[in-house]
Amino acid sequence: MTNGSSSTTGDSEFTPRASSPLFLHSSYISRMSLVVVPFSGCGFGGWRRSIIVSLSARNKIAFIDGSFPKPAADSPESKQRDRCNNMVISWLTSSLTPEIAESVQYSDTVESIWKQLNNRYGTINGTKKFKIKKKLASTCQGPLDITSYFNKLKKLSDELRVMGSNHANTCTCTAKKCLLREDEENKVHQFLMGLNETYITVRSNILMMNSLHLIMCITFFYKMKSRDK
Protein backbone atom coordinates (compact mmCIF):
# COMPACT_ATOMS: atom_id res chain seq x y z
CA MET A 1 0.00 0.00 0.00
CA THR A 2 1.16 3.55 -0.64
CA ASN A 3 0.54 6.94 0.90
CA GLY A 4 -0.70 5.51 4.20
CA SER A 5 -3.44 3.21 2.89
CA SER A 6 -4.82 0.56 5.21
CA SER A 7 -7.07 -1.38 2.88
CA THR A 8 -8.20 -1.53 -0.71
CA THR A 9 -11.29 -3.38 -1.84
CA GLY A 10 -11.42 -4.12 -5.56
CA ASP A 11 -10.14 -1.22 -7.65
CA SER A 12 -12.29 1.62 -6.30
CA GLU A 13 -12.41 1.66 -2.51
CA PHE A 14 -9.54 3.21 -0.61
CA THR A 15 -9.30 3.55 3.16
CA PRO A 16 -6.40 5.65 4.47
CA ARG A 17 -4.87 5.09 7.85
CA ALA A 18 -5.65 7.67 10.54
CA SER A 19 -2.00 8.78 10.41
CA SER A 20 -2.16 9.56 6.70
CA PRO A 21 -2.67 13.10 5.34
CA LEU A 22 -5.44 11.54 3.23
CA PHE A 23 -7.48 10.67 6.29
CA LEU A 24 -10.62 12.78 6.82
CA HIS A 25 -12.14 12.59 10.29
CA SER A 26 -15.91 12.31 10.49
CA SER A 27 -16.02 15.61 12.39
CA TYR A 28 -14.43 17.53 9.52
CA ILE A 29 -16.86 19.78 7.68
CA SER A 30 -16.42 22.05 4.69
CA ARG A 31 -16.77 25.83 4.92
CA MET A 32 -15.14 25.73 8.37
CA SER A 33 -12.85 28.64 9.19
CA LEU A 34 -9.46 27.76 10.67
CA VAL A 35 -9.14 31.15 12.37
CA VAL A 36 -11.32 33.32 14.57
CA VAL A 37 -10.95 36.41 12.37
CA PRO A 38 -10.76 35.91 8.56
CA PHE A 39 -7.75 37.45 6.83
CA SER A 40 -8.66 40.85 5.35
CA GLY A 41 -5.29 41.95 4.00
CA CYS A 42 -3.56 43.04 7.22
CA GLY A 43 -1.53 41.00 9.70
CA PHE A 44 -0.61 38.24 7.25
CA GLY A 45 2.20 36.89 9.43
CA GLY A 46 -0.08 36.12 12.38
CA TRP A 47 -2.81 34.72 10.14
CA ARG A 48 -0.32 32.51 8.31
CA ARG A 49 1.01 31.16 11.60
CA SER A 50 -2.51 30.32 12.80
CA ILE A 51 -3.32 28.50 9.55
CA ILE A 52 -0.12 26.45 9.74
CA VAL A 53 -0.85 25.44 13.34
CA SER A 54 -4.45 24.47 12.49
CA LEU A 55 -3.50 22.44 9.44
CA SER A 56 -0.63 20.78 11.28
CA ALA A 57 -3.03 19.66 14.01
CA ARG A 58 -5.18 18.08 11.28
CA ASN A 59 -2.15 16.53 9.53
CA LYS A 60 -2.80 18.51 6.33
CA ILE A 61 0.39 20.58 6.07
CA ALA A 62 1.49 18.46 3.10
CA PHE A 63 -1.29 19.99 1.02
CA ILE A 64 0.03 23.54 1.31
CA ASP A 65 3.74 22.82 0.88
CA GLY A 66 3.29 20.26 -1.91
CA SER A 67 5.25 17.57 -0.05
CA PHE A 68 2.57 14.91 -0.42
CA PRO A 69 3.23 12.89 -3.61
CA LYS A 70 0.43 13.00 -6.13
CA PRO A 71 -0.88 9.47 -6.81
CA ALA A 72 -1.56 8.15 -10.29
CA ALA A 73 -4.74 9.57 -11.79
CA ASP A 74 -6.35 6.13 -12.14
CA SER A 75 -5.53 4.98 -8.59
CA PRO A 76 -8.03 4.80 -5.69
CA GLU A 77 -5.79 7.18 -3.72
CA SER A 78 -6.30 9.87 -6.35
CA LYS A 79 -9.99 10.33 -5.55
CA GLN A 80 -9.26 10.52 -1.82
CA ARG A 81 -6.53 13.07 -2.43
CA ASP A 82 -8.95 15.21 -4.43
CA ARG A 83 -11.43 15.03 -1.55
CA CYS A 84 -8.78 16.17 0.94
CA ASN A 85 -7.53 18.89 -1.38
CA ASN A 86 -11.05 20.27 -1.83
CA MET A 87 -11.74 20.07 1.91
CA VAL A 88 -8.61 22.08 2.73
CA ILE A 89 -9.45 24.59 -0.03
CA SER A 90 -12.83 25.05 1.63
CA TRP A 91 -11.19 25.61 5.04
CA LEU A 92 -8.66 28.04 3.59
CA THR A 93 -11.13 30.16 1.62
CA SER A 94 -13.45 30.24 4.64
CA SER A 95 -10.55 31.74 6.59
CA LEU A 96 -10.41 34.68 4.15
CA THR A 97 -12.72 37.63 3.72
CA PRO A 98 -15.11 37.22 0.74
CA GLU A 99 -13.16 39.71 -1.38
CA ILE A 100 -9.85 37.86 -1.00
CA ALA A 101 -11.52 34.44 -1.27
CA GLU A 102 -12.98 35.44 -4.64
CA SER A 103 -9.50 36.17 -5.98
CA VAL A 104 -8.41 32.54 -5.47
CA GLN A 105 -11.70 30.67 -5.92
CA TYR A 106 -10.74 29.21 -9.31
CA SER A 107 -7.46 27.70 -8.09
CA ASP A 108 -7.38 23.91 -8.34
CA THR A 109 -5.03 23.13 -5.46
CA VAL A 110 -4.37 24.25 -1.92
CA GLU A 111 -0.70 24.67 -2.80
CA SER A 112 -1.58 27.14 -5.56
CA ILE A 113 -3.76 29.24 -3.24
CA TRP A 114 -1.06 29.22 -0.56
CA LYS A 115 1.59 30.40 -3.01
CA GLN A 116 -0.64 33.18 -4.32
CA LEU A 117 -1.38 34.48 -0.83
CA ASN A 118 2.27 34.34 0.23
CA ASN A 119 3.42 36.11 -2.94
CA ARG A 120 0.76 38.79 -2.57
CA TYR A 121 0.84 39.48 1.16
CA GLY A 122 3.94 37.78 2.52
CA THR A 123 6.56 39.78 0.66
CA ILE A 124 8.79 41.54 3.16
CA ASN A 125 9.82 45.07 2.30
CA GLY A 126 11.43 48.03 4.03
CA THR A 127 8.15 49.89 4.41
CA LYS A 128 6.54 47.11 6.45
CA LYS A 129 9.55 46.80 8.74
CA PHE A 130 9.73 50.56 9.17
CA LYS A 131 6.07 50.76 10.22
CA ILE A 132 6.50 48.07 12.87
CA LYS A 133 9.72 49.60 14.19
CA LYS A 134 8.00 52.99 14.33
CA LYS A 135 5.14 51.48 16.34
CA LEU A 136 7.64 49.85 18.70
CA ALA A 137 9.52 53.12 19.19
CA SER A 138 6.33 55.04 19.98
CA THR A 139 4.67 52.43 22.20
CA CYS A 140 4.39 53.53 25.83
CA GLN A 141 2.51 52.16 28.78
CA GLY A 142 0.18 55.12 29.18
CA PRO A 143 -3.21 53.97 30.55
CA LEU A 144 -2.38 50.28 30.03
CA ASP A 145 -1.63 47.94 32.90
CA ILE A 146 1.75 46.20 32.87
CA THR A 147 0.43 42.96 31.35
CA SER A 148 -1.40 44.71 28.50
CA TYR A 149 1.62 46.89 27.80
CA PHE A 150 3.92 43.87 27.75
CA ASN A 151 1.59 41.95 25.42
CA LYS A 152 1.40 44.89 23.02
CA LEU A 153 5.18 45.13 22.80
CA LYS A 154 5.61 41.37 22.46
CA LYS A 155 3.16 41.19 19.56
CA LEU A 156 5.09 43.86 17.64
CA SER A 157 8.46 42.28 18.49
CA ASP A 158 7.31 38.82 17.39
CA GLU A 159 5.94 40.21 14.13
CA LEU A 160 9.25 41.95 13.46
CA ARG A 161 11.17 38.76 14.30
CA VAL A 162 9.11 36.72 11.82
CA MET A 163 9.76 39.34 9.13
CA GLY A 164 13.47 39.44 9.86
CA SER A 165 16.27 37.55 8.19
CA ASN A 166 17.43 34.10 9.27
CA HIS A 167 21.07 35.04 9.79
CA ALA A 168 20.85 34.16 13.50
CA ASN A 169 20.00 30.58 12.55
CA THR A 170 22.93 30.16 10.17
CA CYS A 171 25.77 31.67 12.18
CA THR A 172 28.05 29.91 14.67
CA CYS A 173 26.77 28.89 18.09
CA THR A 174 28.86 31.55 19.85
CA ALA A 175 27.72 34.33 17.53
CA LYS A 176 24.13 33.14 17.76
CA LYS A 177 24.18 33.31 21.56
CA CYS A 178 25.53 36.85 21.40
CA LEU A 179 22.84 37.91 18.93
CA LEU A 180 20.09 36.38 21.04
CA ARG A 181 21.42 38.01 24.22
CA GLU A 182 21.65 41.39 22.50
CA ASP A 183 18.11 41.00 21.12
CA GLU A 184 16.79 40.14 24.59
CA GLU A 185 18.48 43.20 26.10
CA ASN A 186 16.97 45.39 23.39
CA LYS A 187 13.51 44.08 24.28
CA VAL A 188 14.08 44.80 27.97
CA HIS A 189 15.26 48.33 27.21
CA GLN A 190 12.26 48.88 24.94
CA PHE A 191 9.95 47.75 27.73
CA LEU A 192 11.63 49.93 30.35
CA MET A 193 11.74 53.04 28.14
CA GLY A 194 7.98 52.98 27.70
CA LEU A 195 7.11 52.51 31.38
CA ASN A 196 5.30 55.29 33.17
CA GLU A 197 7.50 57.48 35.38
CA THR A 198 5.78 56.15 38.50
CA TYR A 199 7.92 53.02 38.06
CA ILE A 200 11.25 54.82 37.85
CA THR A 201 12.60 53.10 40.99
CA VAL A 202 11.71 49.62 39.74
CA ARG A 203 13.24 50.47 36.37
CA SER A 204 16.51 51.51 38.00
CA ASN A 205 16.66 48.27 39.98
CA ILE A 206 16.10 46.18 36.85
CA LEU A 207 18.84 48.04 34.95
CA MET A 208 21.32 47.13 37.70
CA MET A 209 20.70 43.42 37.14
CA ASN A 210 23.58 41.48 35.56
CA SER A 211 21.38 39.53 33.17
CA LEU A 212 18.52 41.22 31.37
CA HIS A 213 15.94 38.64 30.36
CA LEU A 214 12.50 40.06 29.68
CA ILE A 215 10.42 37.44 31.48
CA MET A 216 12.73 37.55 34.50
CA CYS A 217 12.49 41.33 34.53
CA ILE A 218 8.70 41.24 34.41
CA THR A 219 8.67 38.83 37.35
CA PHE A 220 11.11 41.03 39.26
CA PHE A 221 8.99 44.05 38.38
CA TYR A 222 5.90 42.55 40.00
CA LYS A 223 7.86 41.55 43.10
CA MET A 224 9.19 45.07 43.51
CA LYS A 225 5.78 46.55 42.86
CA SER A 226 4.20 44.35 45.53
CA ARG A 227 6.94 45.17 48.04
CA ASP A 228 6.46 48.93 47.54
CA LYS A 229 2.72 48.78 48.28
C-alpha atoms as a PDB file:
ATOM      1  CA  MET A   1       0.000   0.000   0.000  1.00  0.00           C
ATOM      2  CA  THR A   2       1.163   3.548  -0.635  1.00  0.00           C
ATOM      3  CA  ASN A   3       0.535   6.940   0.905  1.00  0.00           C
ATOM      4  CA  GLY A   4      -0.703   5.507   4.199  1.00  0.00           C
ATOM      5  CA  SER A   5      -3.440   3.211   2.887  1.00  0.00           C
ATOM      6  CA  SER A   6      -4.817   0.558   5.208  1.00  0.00           C
ATOM      7  CA  SER A   7      -7.066  -1.380   2.876  1.00  0.00           C
ATOM      8  CA  THR A   8      -8.202  -1.531  -0.714  1.00  0.00           C
ATOM      9  CA  THR A   9     -11.290  -3.379  -1.842  1.00  0.00           C
ATOM     10  CA  GLY A  10     -11.420  -4.119  -5.562  1.00  0.00           C
ATOM     11  CA  ASP A  11     -10.145  -1.216  -7.646  1.00  0.00           C
ATOM     12  CA  SER A  12     -12.292   1.617  -6.301  1.00  0.00           C
ATOM     13  CA  GLU A  13     -12.414   1.659  -2.512  1.00  0.00           C
ATOM     14  CA  PHE A  14      -9.537   3.207  -0.615  1.00  0.00           C
ATOM     15  CA  THR A  15      -9.299   3.547   3.162  1.00  0.00           C
ATOM     16  CA  PRO A  16      -6.405   5.654   4.468  1.00  0.00           C
ATOM     17  CA  ARG A  17      -4.869   5.088   7.853  1.00  0.00           C
ATOM     18  CA  ALA A  18      -5.654   7.674  10.544  1.00  0.00           C
ATOM     19  CA  SER A  19      -2.004   8.785  10.413  1.00  0.00           C
ATOM     20  CA  SER A  20      -2.164   9.557   6.696  1.00  0.00           C
ATOM     21  CA  PRO A  21      -2.670  13.103   5.336  1.00  0.00           C
ATOM     22  CA  LEU A  22      -5.435  11.542   3.228  1.00  0.00           C
ATOM     23  CA  PHE A  23      -7.481  10.667   6.295  1.00  0.00           C
ATOM     24  CA  LEU A  24     -10.621  12.775   6.823  1.00  0.00           C
ATOM     25  CA  HIS A  25     -12.139  12.592  10.292  1.00  0.00           C
ATOM     26  CA  SER A  26     -15.912  12.306  10.489  1.00  0.00           C
ATOM     27  CA  SER A  27     -16.019  15.607  12.390  1.00  0.00           C
ATOM     28  CA  TYR A  28     -14.427  17.533   9.517  1.00  0.00           C
ATOM     29  CA  ILE A  29     -16.861  19.784   7.679  1.00  0.00           C
ATOM     30  CA  SER A  30     -16.420  22.052   4.688  1.00  0.00           C
ATOM     31  CA  ARG A  31     -16.767  25.835   4.923  1.00  0.00           C
ATOM     32  CA  MET A  32     -15.145  25.730   8.371  1.00  0.00           C
ATOM     33  CA  SER A  33     -12.846  28.642   9.186  1.00  0.00           C
ATOM     34  CA  LEU A  34      -9.462  27.761  10.666  1.00  0.00           C
ATOM     35  CA  VAL A  35      -9.139  31.146  12.375  1.00  0.00           C
ATOM     36  CA  VAL A  36     -11.324  33.325  14.569  1.00  0.00           C
ATOM     37  CA  VAL A  37     -10.952  36.408  12.370  1.00  0.00           C
ATOM     38  CA  PRO A  38     -10.763  35.905   8.565  1.00  0.00           C
ATOM     39  CA  PHE A  39      -7.755  37.452   6.832  1.00  0.00           C
ATOM     40  CA  SER A  40      -8.658  40.850   5.349  1.00  0.00           C
ATOM     41  CA  GLY A  41      -5.291  41.949   4.002  1.00  0.00           C
ATOM     42  CA  CYS A  42      -3.559  43.037   7.220  1.00  0.00           C
ATOM     43  CA  GLY A  43      -1.525  40.996   9.699  1.00  0.00           C
ATOM     44  CA  PHE A  44      -0.612  38.242   7.251  1.00  0.00           C
ATOM     45  CA  GLY A  45       2.197  36.887   9.434  1.00  0.00           C
ATOM     46  CA  GLY A  46      -0.081  36.123  12.379  1.00  0.00           C
ATOM     47  CA  TRP A  47      -2.813  34.720  10.143  1.00  0.00           C
ATOM     48  CA  ARG A  48      -0.322  32.510   8.310  1.00  0.00           C
ATOM     49  CA  ARG A  49       1.007  31.165  11.596  1.00  0.00           C
ATOM     50  CA  SER A  50      -2.514  30.317  12.800  1.00  0.00           C
ATOM     51  CA  ILE A  51      -3.323  28.502   9.548  1.00  0.00           C
ATOM     52  CA  ILE A  52      -0.124  26.450   9.737  1.00  0.00           C
ATOM     53  CA  VAL A  53      -0.848  25.438  13.344  1.00  0.00           C
ATOM     54  CA  SER A  54      -4.453  24.474  12.493  1.00  0.00           C
ATOM     55  CA  LEU A  55      -3.495  22.435   9.441  1.00  0.00           C
ATOM     56  CA  SER A  56      -0.625  20.782  11.282  1.00  0.00           C
ATOM     57  CA  ALA A  57      -3.031  19.659  14.014  1.00  0.00           C
ATOM     58  CA  ARG A  58      -5.179  18.079  11.279  1.00  0.00           C
ATOM     59  CA  ASN A  59      -2.154  16.528   9.530  1.00  0.00           C
ATOM     60  CA  LYS A  60      -2.798  18.505   6.333  1.00  0.00           C
ATOM     61  CA  ILE A  61       0.391  20.584   6.071  1.00  0.00           C
ATOM     62  CA  ALA A  62       1.487  18.462   3.102  1.00  0.00           C
ATOM     63  CA  PHE A  63      -1.287  19.993   1.023  1.00  0.00           C
ATOM     64  CA  ILE A  64       0.035  23.541   1.312  1.00  0.00           C
ATOM     65  CA  ASP A  65       3.743  22.824   0.877  1.00  0.00           C
ATOM     66  CA  GLY A  66       3.290  20.259  -1.913  1.00  0.00           C
ATOM     67  CA  SER A  67       5.253  17.567  -0.047  1.00  0.00           C
ATOM     68  CA  PHE A  68       2.567  14.910  -0.421  1.00  0.00           C
ATOM     69  CA  PRO A  69       3.230  12.893  -3.605  1.00  0.00           C
ATOM     70  CA  LYS A  70       0.433  13.001  -6.131  1.00  0.00           C
ATOM     71  CA  PRO A  71      -0.875   9.468  -6.813  1.00  0.00           C
ATOM     72  CA  ALA A  72      -1.558   8.146 -10.291  1.00  0.00           C
ATOM     73  CA  ALA A  73      -4.744   9.573 -11.791  1.00  0.00           C
ATOM     74  CA  ASP A  74      -6.353   6.133 -12.135  1.00  0.00           C
ATOM     75  CA  SER A  75      -5.526   4.983  -8.586  1.00  0.00           C
ATOM     76  CA  PRO A  76      -8.030   4.799  -5.687  1.00  0.00           C
ATOM     77  CA  GLU A  77      -5.790   7.179  -3.724  1.00  0.00           C
ATOM     78  CA  SER A  78      -6.302   9.870  -6.353  1.00  0.00           C
ATOM     79  CA  LYS A  79      -9.989  10.329  -5.552  1.00  0.00           C
ATOM     80  CA  GLN A  80      -9.263  10.523  -1.825  1.00  0.00           C
ATOM     81  CA  ARG A  81      -6.527  13.071  -2.426  1.00  0.00           C
ATOM     82  CA  ASP A  82      -8.948  15.209  -4.431  1.00  0.00           C
ATOM     83  CA  ARG A  83     -11.431  15.033  -1.550  1.00  0.00           C
ATOM     84  CA  CYS A  84      -8.784  16.168   0.939  1.00  0.00           C
ATOM     85  CA  ASN A  85      -7.530  18.894  -1.380  1.00  0.00           C
ATOM     86  CA  ASN A  86     -11.048  20.268  -1.827  1.00  0.00           C
ATOM     87  CA  MET A  87     -11.741  20.073   1.907  1.00  0.00           C
ATOM     88  CA  VAL A  88      -8.608  22.080   2.731  1.00  0.00           C
ATOM     89  CA  ILE A  89      -9.446  24.586  -0.029  1.00  0.00           C
ATOM     90  CA  SER A  90     -12.827  25.046   1.634  1.00  0.00           C
ATOM     91  CA  TRP A  91     -11.194  25.613   5.036  1.00  0.00           C
ATOM     92  CA  LEU A  92      -8.662  28.036   3.593  1.00  0.00           C
ATOM     93  CA  THR A  93     -11.131  30.162   1.624  1.00  0.00           C
ATOM     94  CA  SER A  94     -13.451  30.238   4.643  1.00  0.00           C
ATOM     95  CA  SER A  95     -10.550  31.741   6.593  1.00  0.00           C
ATOM     96  CA  LEU A  96     -10.413  34.680   4.149  1.00  0.00           C
ATOM     97  CA  THR A  97     -12.724  37.631   3.717  1.00  0.00           C
ATOM     98  CA  PRO A  98     -15.113  37.216   0.737  1.00  0.00           C
ATOM     99  CA  GLU A  99     -13.163  39.708  -1.381  1.00  0.00           C
ATOM    100  CA  ILE A 100      -9.852  37.855  -1.002  1.00  0.00           C
ATOM    101  CA  ALA A 101     -11.518  34.437  -1.272  1.00  0.00           C
ATOM    102  CA  GLU A 102     -12.975  35.443  -4.641  1.00  0.00           C
ATOM    103  CA  SER A 103      -9.497  36.172  -5.980  1.00  0.00           C
ATOM    104  CA  VAL A 104      -8.409  32.540  -5.470  1.00  0.00           C
ATOM    105  CA  GLN A 105     -11.696  30.671  -5.919  1.00  0.00           C
ATOM    106  CA  TYR A 106     -10.738  29.210  -9.313  1.00  0.00           C
ATOM    107  CA  SER A 107      -7.460  27.698  -8.092  1.00  0.00           C
ATOM    108  CA  ASP A 108      -7.379  23.905  -8.338  1.00  0.00           C
ATOM    109  CA  THR A 109      -5.028  23.126  -5.465  1.00  0.00           C
ATOM    110  CA  VAL A 110      -4.374  24.254  -1.919  1.00  0.00           C
ATOM    111  CA  GLU A 111      -0.702  24.671  -2.796  1.00  0.00           C
ATOM    112  CA  SER A 112      -1.584  27.139  -5.557  1.00  0.00           C
ATOM    113  CA  ILE A 113      -3.756  29.239  -3.237  1.00  0.00           C
ATOM    114  CA  TRP A 114      -1.062  29.217  -0.557  1.00  0.00           C
ATOM    115  CA  LYS A 115       1.594  30.401  -3.009  1.00  0.00           C
ATOM    116  CA  GLN A 116      -0.640  33.177  -4.320  1.00  0.00           C
ATOM    117  CA  LEU A 117      -1.379  34.476  -0.832  1.00  0.00           C
ATOM    118  CA  ASN A 118       2.272  34.344   0.227  1.00  0.00           C
ATOM    119  CA  ASN A 119       3.424  36.108  -2.938  1.00  0.00           C
ATOM    120  CA  ARG A 120       0.759  38.785  -2.568  1.00  0.00           C
ATOM    121  CA  TYR A 121       0.841  39.475   1.162  1.00  0.00           C
ATOM    122  CA  GLY A 122       3.944  37.777   2.522  1.00  0.00           C
ATOM    123  CA  THR A 123       6.561  39.782   0.661  1.00  0.00           C
ATOM    124  CA  ILE A 124       8.792  41.536   3.159  1.00  0.00           C
ATOM    125  CA  ASN A 125       9.819  45.070   2.305  1.00  0.00           C
ATOM    126  CA  GLY A 126      11.430  48.029   4.031  1.00  0.00           C
ATOM    127  CA  THR A 127       8.147  49.889   4.409  1.00  0.00           C
ATOM    128  CA  LYS A 128       6.535  47.106   6.454  1.00  0.00           C
ATOM    129  CA  LYS A 129       9.549  46.802   8.736  1.00  0.00           C
ATOM    130  CA  PHE A 130       9.727  50.558   9.166  1.00  0.00           C
ATOM    131  CA  LYS A 131       6.065  50.759  10.222  1.00  0.00           C
ATOM    132  CA  ILE A 132       6.502  48.071  12.873  1.00  0.00           C
ATOM    133  CA  LYS A 133       9.716  49.601  14.193  1.00  0.00           C
ATOM    134  CA  LYS A 134       8.005  52.986  14.329  1.00  0.00           C
ATOM    135  CA  LYS A 135       5.144  51.476  16.340  1.00  0.00           C
ATOM    136  CA  LEU A 136       7.638  49.850  18.696  1.00  0.00           C
ATOM    137  CA  ALA A 137       9.523  53.123  19.189  1.00  0.00           C
ATOM    138  CA  SER A 138       6.326  55.042  19.977  1.00  0.00           C
ATOM    139  CA  THR A 139       4.668  52.435  22.196  1.00  0.00           C
ATOM    140  CA  CYS A 140       4.392  53.534  25.831  1.00  0.00           C
ATOM    141  CA  GLN A 141       2.513  52.156  28.780  1.00  0.00           C
ATOM    142  CA  GLY A 142       0.179  55.118  29.181  1.00  0.00           C
ATOM    143  CA  PRO A 143      -3.208  53.969  30.545  1.00  0.00           C
ATOM    144  CA  LEU A 144      -2.383  50.282  30.025  1.00  0.00           C
ATOM    145  CA  ASP A 145      -1.628  47.936  32.902  1.00  0.00           C
ATOM    146  CA  ILE A 146       1.748  46.196  32.865  1.00  0.00           C
ATOM    147  CA  THR A 147       0.430  42.956  31.353  1.00  0.00           C
ATOM    148  CA  SER A 148      -1.401  44.709  28.502  1.00  0.00           C
ATOM    149  CA  TYR A 149       1.619  46.894  27.797  1.00  0.00           C
ATOM    150  CA  PHE A 150       3.924  43.866  27.752  1.00  0.00           C
ATOM    151  CA  ASN A 151       1.589  41.945  25.415  1.00  0.00           C
ATOM    152  CA  LYS A 152       1.400  44.890  23.023  1.00  0.00           C
ATOM    153  CA  LEU A 153       5.181  45.133  22.804  1.00  0.00           C
ATOM    154  CA  LYS A 154       5.605  41.373  22.463  1.00  0.00           C
ATOM    155  CA  LYS A 155       3.161  41.188  19.557  1.00  0.00           C
ATOM    156  CA  LEU A 156       5.089  43.856  17.640  1.00  0.00           C
ATOM    157  CA  SER A 157       8.460  42.276  18.491  1.00  0.00           C
ATOM    158  CA  ASP A 158       7.314  38.823  17.387  1.00  0.00           C
ATOM    159  CA  GLU A 159       5.938  40.210  14.132  1.00  0.00           C
ATOM    160  CA  LEU A 160       9.248  41.947  13.460  1.00  0.00           C
ATOM    161  CA  ARG A 161      11.165  38.761  14.298  1.00  0.00           C
ATOM    162  CA  VAL A 162       9.113  36.718  11.819  1.00  0.00           C
ATOM    163  CA  MET A 163       9.760  39.336   9.133  1.00  0.00           C
ATOM    164  CA  GLY A 164      13.469  39.444   9.860  1.00  0.00           C
ATOM    165  CA  SER A 165      16.272  37.547   8.187  1.00  0.00           C
ATOM    166  CA  ASN A 166      17.427  34.100   9.273  1.00  0.00           C
ATOM    167  CA  HIS A 167      21.073  35.042   9.791  1.00  0.00           C
ATOM    168  CA  ALA A 168      20.850  34.162  13.496  1.00  0.00           C
ATOM    169  CA  ASN A 169      19.997  30.579  12.549  1.00  0.00           C
ATOM    170  CA  THR A 170      22.927  30.164  10.170  1.00  0.00           C
ATOM    171  CA  CYS A 171      25.771  31.667  12.177  1.00  0.00           C
ATOM    172  CA  THR A 172      28.045  29.915  14.668  1.00  0.00           C
ATOM    173  CA  CYS A 173      26.775  28.890  18.085  1.00  0.00           C
ATOM    174  CA  THR A 174      28.864  31.546  19.852  1.00  0.00           C
ATOM    175  CA  ALA A 175      27.716  34.332  17.535  1.00  0.00           C
ATOM    176  CA  LYS A 176      24.127  33.140  17.755  1.00  0.00           C
ATOM    177  CA  LYS A 177      24.180  33.313  21.556  1.00  0.00           C
ATOM    178  CA  CYS A 178      25.531  36.854  21.400  1.00  0.00           C
ATOM    179  CA  LEU A 179      22.837  37.911  18.933  1.00  0.00           C
ATOM    180  CA  LEU A 180      20.087  36.377  21.044  1.00  0.00           C
ATOM    181  CA  ARG A 181      21.425  38.011  24.219  1.00  0.00           C
ATOM    182  CA  GLU A 182      21.645  41.392  22.500  1.00  0.00           C
ATOM    183  CA  ASP A 183      18.112  40.998  21.124  1.00  0.00           C
ATOM    184  CA  GLU A 184      16.792  40.143  24.591  1.00  0.00           C
ATOM    185  CA  GLU A 185      18.478  43.197  26.102  1.00  0.00           C
ATOM    186  CA  ASN A 186      16.974  45.390  23.394  1.00  0.00           C
ATOM    187  CA  LYS A 187      13.513  44.078  24.279  1.00  0.00           C
ATOM    188  CA  VAL A 188      14.080  44.801  27.969  1.00  0.00           C
ATOM    189  CA  HIS A 189      15.260  48.335  27.209  1.00  0.00           C
ATOM    190  CA  GLN A 190      12.259  48.878  24.940  1.00  0.00           C
ATOM    191  CA  PHE A 191       9.946  47.750  27.731  1.00  0.00           C
ATOM    192  CA  LEU A 192      11.633  49.927  30.345  1.00  0.00           C
ATOM    193  CA  MET A 193      11.736  53.036  28.143  1.00  0.00           C
ATOM    194  CA  GLY A 194       7.977  52.979  27.698  1.00  0.00           C
ATOM    195  CA  LEU A 195       7.110  52.513  31.381  1.00  0.00           C
ATOM    196  CA  ASN A 196       5.295  55.293  33.172  1.00  0.00           C
ATOM    197  CA  GLU A 197       7.496  57.477  35.379  1.00  0.00           C
ATOM    198  CA  THR A 198       5.777  56.147  38.498  1.00  0.00           C
ATOM    199  CA  TYR A 199       7.916  53.025  38.061  1.00  0.00           C
ATOM    200  CA  ILE A 200      11.251  54.825  37.846  1.00  0.00           C
ATOM    201  CA  THR A 201      12.597  53.099  40.986  1.00  0.00           C
ATOM    202  CA  VAL A 202      11.714  49.617  39.743  1.00  0.00           C
ATOM    203  CA  ARG A 203      13.235  50.470  36.374  1.00  0.00           C
ATOM    204  CA  SER A 204      16.512  51.514  38.001  1.00  0.00           C
ATOM    205  CA  ASN A 205      16.658  48.267  39.983  1.00  0.00           C
ATOM    206  CA  ILE A 206      16.103  46.184  36.849  1.00  0.00           C
ATOM    207  CA  LEU A 207      18.844  48.036  34.953  1.00  0.00           C
ATOM    208  CA  MET A 208      21.325  47.134  37.699  1.00  0.00           C
ATOM    209  CA  MET A 209      20.697  43.417  37.136  1.00  0.00           C
ATOM    210  CA  ASN A 210      23.585  41.484  35.559  1.00  0.00           C
ATOM    211  CA  SER A 211      21.380  39.526  33.168  1.00  0.00           C
ATOM    212  CA  LEU A 212      18.519  41.223  31.365  1.00  0.00           C
ATOM    213  CA  HIS A 213      15.936  38.639  30.361  1.00  0.00           C
ATOM    214  CA  LEU A 214      12.503  40.058  29.678  1.00  0.00           C
ATOM    215  CA  ILE A 215      10.418  37.436  31.485  1.00  0.00           C
ATOM    216  CA  MET A 216      12.729  37.549  34.501  1.00  0.00           C
ATOM    217  CA  CYS A 217      12.487  41.333  34.529  1.00  0.00           C
ATOM    218  CA  ILE A 218       8.699  41.243  34.405  1.00  0.00           C
ATOM    219  CA  THR A 219       8.666  38.833  37.354  1.00  0.00           C
ATOM    220  CA  PHE A 220      11.110  41.027  39.260  1.00  0.00           C
ATOM    221  CA  PHE A 221       8.994  44.051  38.381  1.00  0.00           C
ATOM    222  CA  TYR A 222       5.896  42.550  39.999  1.00  0.00           C
ATOM    223  CA  LYS A 223       7.859  41.551  43.096  1.00  0.00           C
ATOM    224  CA  MET A 224       9.195  45.074  43.513  1.00  0.00           C
ATOM    225  CA  LYS A 225       5.776  46.546  42.856  1.00  0.00           C
ATOM    226  CA  SER A 226       4.197  44.348  45.534  1.00  0.00           C
ATOM    227  CA  ARG A 227       6.935  45.174  48.037  1.00  0.00           C
ATOM    228  CA  ASP A 228       6.459  48.930  47.541  1.00  0.00           C
ATOM    229  CA  LYS A 229       2.721  48.777  48.278  1.00  0.00           C
END
